[in-house]
Amino acid sequence: MHEALIAVALLAAAVWMWRENLRAREAATRAGRRICDANDVQFLDETVSLARMNFGWNGRVALVRSYRFDYSTDGADRAAGLVVVQGGSIIHIQLGWPEKLH
């Protein structure tokens, strides 16, 4: 009986984590597209990729996810940008890749 409850709890936690990761990635993709549009550069591949995930603090413990995206100024070059999502909020976005990742 206890094993079944543990299995259900673990499954629920995995589904919750998957949904939170999907929500954060979608927010990072929108933010990447917006900063590219605002700076008249091309948002390449129409997506972001997870570069780092750790814990941060914003009044409570929250996951901090750093996403990398690529953009181009003329269609021939390729540069990297960064979007950082803490919990469900965008806390940092930049064109160019930082020397030291947050």
N, C-alpha and C. Protein backbone atom coordinates (compact mmCIF):
# COMPACT_ATOMS: atom_id res chain seq x y z
N MET A 1 0.81 -1.19 0.00
CA MET A 1 0.00 0.00 0.00
C MET A 1 0.86 1.26 0.00
N HIS A 2 1.86 1.30 0.88
CA HIS A 2 2.74 2.47 0.95
C HIS A 2 3.53 2.63 -0.34
N GLU A 3 3.92 1.52 -0.95
CA GLU A 3 4.69 1.58 -2.20
C GLU A 3 3.86 2.22 -3.30
N ALA A 4 2.57 1.91 -3.34
CA ALA A 4 1.68 2.49 -4.35
C ALA A 4 1.55 4.00 -4.15
N LEU A 5 1.44 4.46 -2.91
CA LEU A 5 1.34 5.89 -2.63
C LEU A 5 2.63 6.61 -3.01
N ILE A 6 3.75 5.98 -2.72
CA ILE A 6 5.04 6.57 -3.09
C ILE A 6 5.16 6.66 -4.60
N ALA A 7 4.75 5.61 -5.30
CA ALA A 7 4.82 5.61 -6.76
C ALA A 7 3.93 6.71 -7.35
N VAL A 8 2.74 6.88 -6.83
CA VAL A 8 1.83 7.92 -7.31
C VAL A 8 2.42 9.31 -7.02
N ALA A 9 2.98 9.49 -5.84
CA ALA A 9 3.59 10.78 -5.49
C ALA A 9 4.77 11.09 -6.40
N LEU A 10 5.60 10.10 -6.68
CA LEU A 10 6.74 10.31 -7.59
C LEU A 10 6.28 10.62 -9.00
N LEU A 11 5.26 9.93 -9.46
CA LEU A 11 4.70 10.21 -10.80
C LEU A 11 4.14 11.62 -10.86
N ALA A 12 3.40 12.03 -9.83
CA ALA A 12 2.84 13.38 -9.79
C ALA A 12 3.95 14.43 -9.80
N ALA A 13 5.01 14.19 -9.03
CA ALA A 13 6.14 15.12 -9.01
C ALA A 13 6.82 15.20 -10.37
N ALA A 14 6.97 14.09 -11.04
CA ALA A 14 7.60 14.07 -12.37
C ALA A 14 6.76 14.83 -13.39
N VAL A 15 5.44 14.64 -13.35
CA VAL A 15 4.54 15.36 -14.26
C VAL A 15 4.60 16.86 -13.98
N TRP A 16 4.58 17.24 -12.70
CA TRP A 16 4.67 18.65 -12.33
C TRP A 16 5.97 19.27 -12.84
N MET A 17 7.10 18.57 -12.64
CA MET A 17 8.40 19.07 -13.08
C MET A 17 8.45 19.21 -14.60
N TRP A 18 7.92 18.24 -15.30
CA TRP A 18 7.88 18.30 -16.76
C TRP A 18 7.09 19.51 -17.23
N ARG A 19 5.91 19.76 -16.61
CA ARG A 19 5.09 20.91 -17.00
C ARG A 19 5.78 22.23 -16.68
N GLU A 20 6.43 22.32 -15.53
CA GLU A 20 7.16 23.54 -15.18
C GLU A 20 8.32 23.80 -16.14
N ASN A 21 9.03 22.76 -16.51
CA ASN A 21 10.13 22.91 -17.47
C ASN A 21 9.60 23.36 -18.82
N LEU A 22 8.49 22.79 -19.27
CA LEU A 22 7.89 23.19 -20.54
C LEU A 22 7.45 24.64 -20.49
N ARG A 23 6.82 25.05 -19.40
CA ARG A 23 6.35 26.43 -19.24
C ARG A 23 7.54 27.41 -19.25
N ALA A 24 8.61 27.07 -18.55
CA ALA A 24 9.79 27.94 -18.52
C ALA A 24 10.43 28.03 -19.90
N ARG A 25 10.51 26.92 -20.61
CA ARG A 25 11.11 26.93 -21.95
C ARG A 25 10.28 27.78 -22.91
N GLU A 26 8.96 27.67 -22.84
CA GLU A 26 8.10 28.48 -23.70
C GLU A 26 8.27 29.97 -23.39
N ALA A 27 8.38 30.32 -22.12
CA ALA A 27 8.60 31.73 -21.74
C ALA A 27 9.95 32.22 -22.24
N ALA A 28 10.97 31.38 -22.15
CA ALA A 28 12.31 31.75 -22.63
C ALA A 28 12.31 31.92 -24.15
N THR A 29 11.59 31.06 -24.85
CA THR A 29 11.50 31.18 -26.31
C THR A 29 10.83 32.49 -26.70
N ARG A 30 9.72 32.83 -26.03
CA ARG A 30 9.05 34.11 -26.32
C ARG A 30 9.97 35.29 -26.03
N ALA A 31 10.70 35.23 -24.90
CA ALA A 31 11.61 36.33 -24.54
C ALA A 31 12.74 36.45 -25.55
N GLY A 32 13.29 35.33 -25.99
CA GLY A 32 14.34 35.36 -27.00
C GLY A 32 13.86 35.97 -28.30
N ARG A 33 12.68 35.57 -28.71
CA ARG A 33 12.10 36.12 -29.94
C ARG A 33 11.87 37.63 -29.80
N ARG A 34 11.35 38.06 -28.63
CA ARG A 34 11.09 39.49 -28.41
C ARG A 34 12.36 40.32 -28.45
N ILE A 35 13.43 39.86 -27.77
CA ILE A 35 14.66 40.66 -27.77
C ILE A 35 15.27 40.71 -29.17
N CYS A 36 15.14 39.63 -29.91
CA CYS A 36 15.65 39.64 -31.29
C CYS A 36 14.86 40.62 -32.15
N ASP A 37 13.53 40.58 -32.04
CA ASP A 37 12.69 41.51 -32.79
C ASP A 37 13.01 42.96 -32.43
N ALA A 38 13.19 43.23 -31.14
CA ALA A 38 13.47 44.59 -30.68
C ALA A 38 14.81 45.10 -31.17
N ASN A 39 15.74 44.19 -31.47
CA ASN A 39 17.08 44.59 -31.92
C ASN A 39 17.31 44.32 -33.40
N ASP A 40 16.25 44.04 -34.13
CA ASP A 40 16.31 43.81 -35.58
C ASP A 40 17.33 42.75 -35.97
N VAL A 41 17.34 41.65 -35.21
CA VAL A 41 18.17 40.50 -35.56
C VAL A 41 17.25 39.29 -35.72
N GLN A 42 17.76 38.26 -36.38
CA GLN A 42 16.96 37.08 -36.66
C GLN A 42 17.11 36.03 -35.55
N PHE A 43 15.99 35.61 -34.99
CA PHE A 43 15.95 34.55 -33.97
C PHE A 43 16.06 33.22 -34.72
N LEU A 44 17.18 32.53 -34.56
CA LEU A 44 17.45 31.32 -35.33
C LEU A 44 16.85 30.09 -34.66
N ASP A 45 16.48 29.14 -35.44
CA ASP A 45 15.99 27.82 -35.01
C ASP A 45 14.65 27.88 -34.27
N GLU A 46 14.13 29.08 -34.01
CA GLU A 46 12.83 29.26 -33.35
C GLU A 46 12.72 28.54 -32.02
N THR A 47 13.84 28.38 -31.32
CA THR A 47 13.80 27.69 -30.04
C THR A 47 14.97 28.08 -29.16
N VAL A 48 14.94 27.65 -27.92
CA VAL A 48 16.03 27.82 -26.96
C VAL A 48 16.44 26.44 -26.46
N SER A 49 17.62 26.37 -25.88
CA SER A 49 18.06 25.10 -25.29
C SER A 49 18.55 25.35 -23.87
N LEU A 50 18.25 24.41 -22.99
CA LEU A 50 18.63 24.53 -21.60
C LEU A 50 20.15 24.43 -21.47
N ALA A 51 20.75 25.45 -20.88
CA ALA A 51 22.20 25.47 -20.69
C ALA A 51 22.60 25.13 -19.26
N ARG A 52 21.73 25.51 -18.31
CA ARG A 52 22.06 25.27 -16.90
C ARG A 52 20.78 25.35 -16.07
N MET A 53 20.74 24.57 -15.02
CA MET A 53 19.61 24.61 -14.09
C MET A 53 20.17 24.47 -12.68
N ASN A 54 19.78 25.41 -11.81
CA ASN A 54 20.20 25.35 -10.41
C ASN A 54 19.13 26.01 -9.55
N PHE A 55 19.39 26.17 -8.27
CA PHE A 55 18.44 26.78 -7.37
C PHE A 55 18.83 28.21 -7.08
N GLY A 56 17.82 29.05 -6.89
CA GLY A 56 18.02 30.44 -6.52
C GLY A 56 17.02 30.82 -5.45
N TRP A 57 17.06 32.08 -5.04
CA TRP A 57 16.20 32.56 -3.97
C TRP A 57 15.53 33.85 -4.41
N ASN A 58 14.20 33.89 -4.31
CA ASN A 58 13.45 35.12 -4.56
C ASN A 58 12.35 35.24 -3.50
N GLY A 59 12.76 35.10 -2.25
CA GLY A 59 11.82 35.06 -1.14
C GLY A 59 11.47 33.63 -0.77
N ARG A 60 11.75 32.73 -1.67
CA ARG A 60 11.62 31.29 -1.45
C ARG A 60 12.53 30.59 -2.45
N VAL A 61 12.81 29.35 -2.24
CA VAL A 61 13.68 28.60 -3.15
C VAL A 61 12.93 28.40 -4.46
N ALA A 62 13.63 28.66 -5.58
CA ALA A 62 13.04 28.49 -6.90
C ALA A 62 14.11 27.97 -7.85
N LEU A 63 13.67 27.21 -8.84
CA LEU A 63 14.60 26.76 -9.87
C LEU A 63 14.98 27.93 -10.76
N VAL A 64 16.25 28.01 -11.10
CA VAL A 64 16.75 29.01 -12.03
C VAL A 64 17.25 28.25 -13.25
N ARG A 65 16.64 28.53 -14.40
CA ARG A 65 17.00 27.86 -15.64
C ARG A 65 17.61 28.87 -16.59
N SER A 66 18.78 28.57 -17.12
CA SER A 66 19.44 29.42 -18.10
C SER A 66 19.31 28.76 -19.47
N TYR A 67 18.78 29.50 -20.42
CA TYR A 67 18.55 28.99 -21.77
C TYR A 67 19.42 29.75 -22.76
N ARG A 68 19.97 29.02 -23.70
CA ARG A 68 20.78 29.59 -24.78
C ARG A 68 19.92 29.63 -26.03
N PHE A 69 20.10 30.69 -26.82
CA PHE A 69 19.46 30.75 -28.13
C PHE A 69 20.44 31.37 -29.10
N ASP A 70 20.22 31.14 -30.37
CA ASP A 70 21.08 31.68 -31.42
C ASP A 70 20.33 32.74 -32.20
N TYR A 71 21.09 33.74 -32.64
CA TYR A 71 20.53 34.79 -33.46
C TYR A 71 21.55 35.19 -34.52
N SER A 72 21.07 35.92 -35.53
CA SER A 72 21.94 36.35 -36.61
C SER A 72 21.65 37.81 -36.94
N THR A 73 22.71 38.56 -37.20
CA THR A 73 22.52 39.96 -37.58
C THR A 73 22.31 40.14 -39.07
N ASP A 74 22.82 39.20 -39.89
CA ASP A 74 22.70 39.34 -41.34
C ASP A 74 22.29 38.06 -42.06
N GLY A 75 21.96 37.02 -41.33
CA GLY A 75 21.57 35.75 -41.94
C GLY A 75 22.74 34.84 -42.25
N ALA A 76 23.96 35.37 -42.19
CA ALA A 76 25.15 34.56 -42.49
C ALA A 76 25.95 34.25 -41.23
N ASP A 77 25.81 35.09 -40.21
CA ASP A 77 26.55 34.86 -38.97
C ASP A 77 25.65 34.18 -37.95
N ARG A 78 26.24 33.78 -36.86
CA ARG A 78 25.48 33.11 -35.78
C ARG A 78 26.12 33.52 -34.46
N ALA A 79 25.29 34.02 -33.54
CA ALA A 79 25.76 34.42 -32.22
C ALA A 79 24.79 33.84 -31.19
N ALA A 80 25.24 33.76 -29.94
CA ALA A 80 24.43 33.17 -28.88
C ALA A 80 23.89 34.25 -27.95
N GLY A 81 22.67 34.02 -27.46
CA GLY A 81 22.06 34.88 -26.47
C GLY A 81 21.67 34.06 -25.25
N LEU A 82 21.20 34.73 -24.22
CA LEU A 82 20.89 34.08 -22.95
C LEU A 82 19.57 34.60 -22.40
N VAL A 83 18.75 33.67 -21.91
CA VAL A 83 17.53 34.00 -21.17
C VAL A 83 17.59 33.22 -19.87
N VAL A 84 17.38 33.91 -18.74
CA VAL A 84 17.37 33.24 -17.43
C VAL A 84 15.96 33.35 -16.86
N VAL A 85 15.41 32.20 -16.49
CA VAL A 85 14.06 32.12 -15.94
C VAL A 85 14.18 31.61 -14.50
N GLN A 86 13.61 32.38 -13.56
CA GLN A 86 13.60 31.95 -12.16
C GLN A 86 12.15 31.73 -11.75
N GLY A 87 11.85 30.50 -11.35
CA GLY A 87 10.46 30.17 -11.09
C GLY A 87 9.71 30.29 -12.40
N GLY A 88 8.76 31.19 -12.48
CA GLY A 88 8.03 31.43 -13.72
C GLY A 88 8.32 32.78 -14.35
N SER A 89 9.35 33.48 -13.87
CA SER A 89 9.63 34.85 -14.33
C SER A 89 10.96 34.94 -15.07
N ILE A 90 10.97 35.76 -16.12
CA ILE A 90 12.21 36.07 -16.81
C ILE A 90 12.97 37.07 -15.93
N ILE A 91 14.18 36.72 -15.52
CA ILE A 91 14.94 37.64 -14.66
C ILE A 91 16.12 38.26 -15.38
N HIS A 92 16.50 37.70 -16.52
CA HIS A 92 17.63 38.26 -17.27
C HIS A 92 17.53 37.80 -18.71
N ILE A 93 17.86 38.71 -19.61
CA ILE A 93 17.91 38.35 -21.03
C ILE A 93 18.96 39.22 -21.69
N GLN A 94 19.73 38.62 -22.58
CA GLN A 94 20.75 39.41 -23.26
C GLN A 94 21.13 38.78 -24.59
N LEU A 95 21.51 39.64 -25.50
CA LEU A 95 22.15 39.19 -26.73
C LEU A 95 23.63 39.10 -26.42
N GLY A 96 24.29 38.10 -26.94
CA GLY A 96 25.69 37.84 -26.59
C GLY A 96 25.72 36.83 -25.46
N TRP A 97 26.75 36.06 -25.41
CA TRP A 97 26.90 35.01 -24.40
C TRP A 97 27.85 35.51 -23.34
N PRO A 98 27.48 35.44 -22.07
CA PRO A 98 28.36 35.97 -21.01
C PRO A 98 29.62 35.12 -20.84
N GLU A 99 30.69 35.77 -20.41
CA GLU A 99 31.94 35.06 -20.15
C GLU A 99 31.72 33.98 -19.10
N LYS A 100 30.98 34.33 -18.06
CA LYS A 100 30.69 33.38 -16.99
C LYS A 100 29.18 33.23 -16.91
N LEU A 101 28.70 32.02 -17.11
CA LEU A 101 27.26 31.76 -17.07
C LEU A 101 26.79 31.85 -15.63
N HIS A 102 25.66 32.54 -15.40
CA HIS A 102 25.09 32.71 -14.06
C HIS A 102 24.96 31.40 -13.35
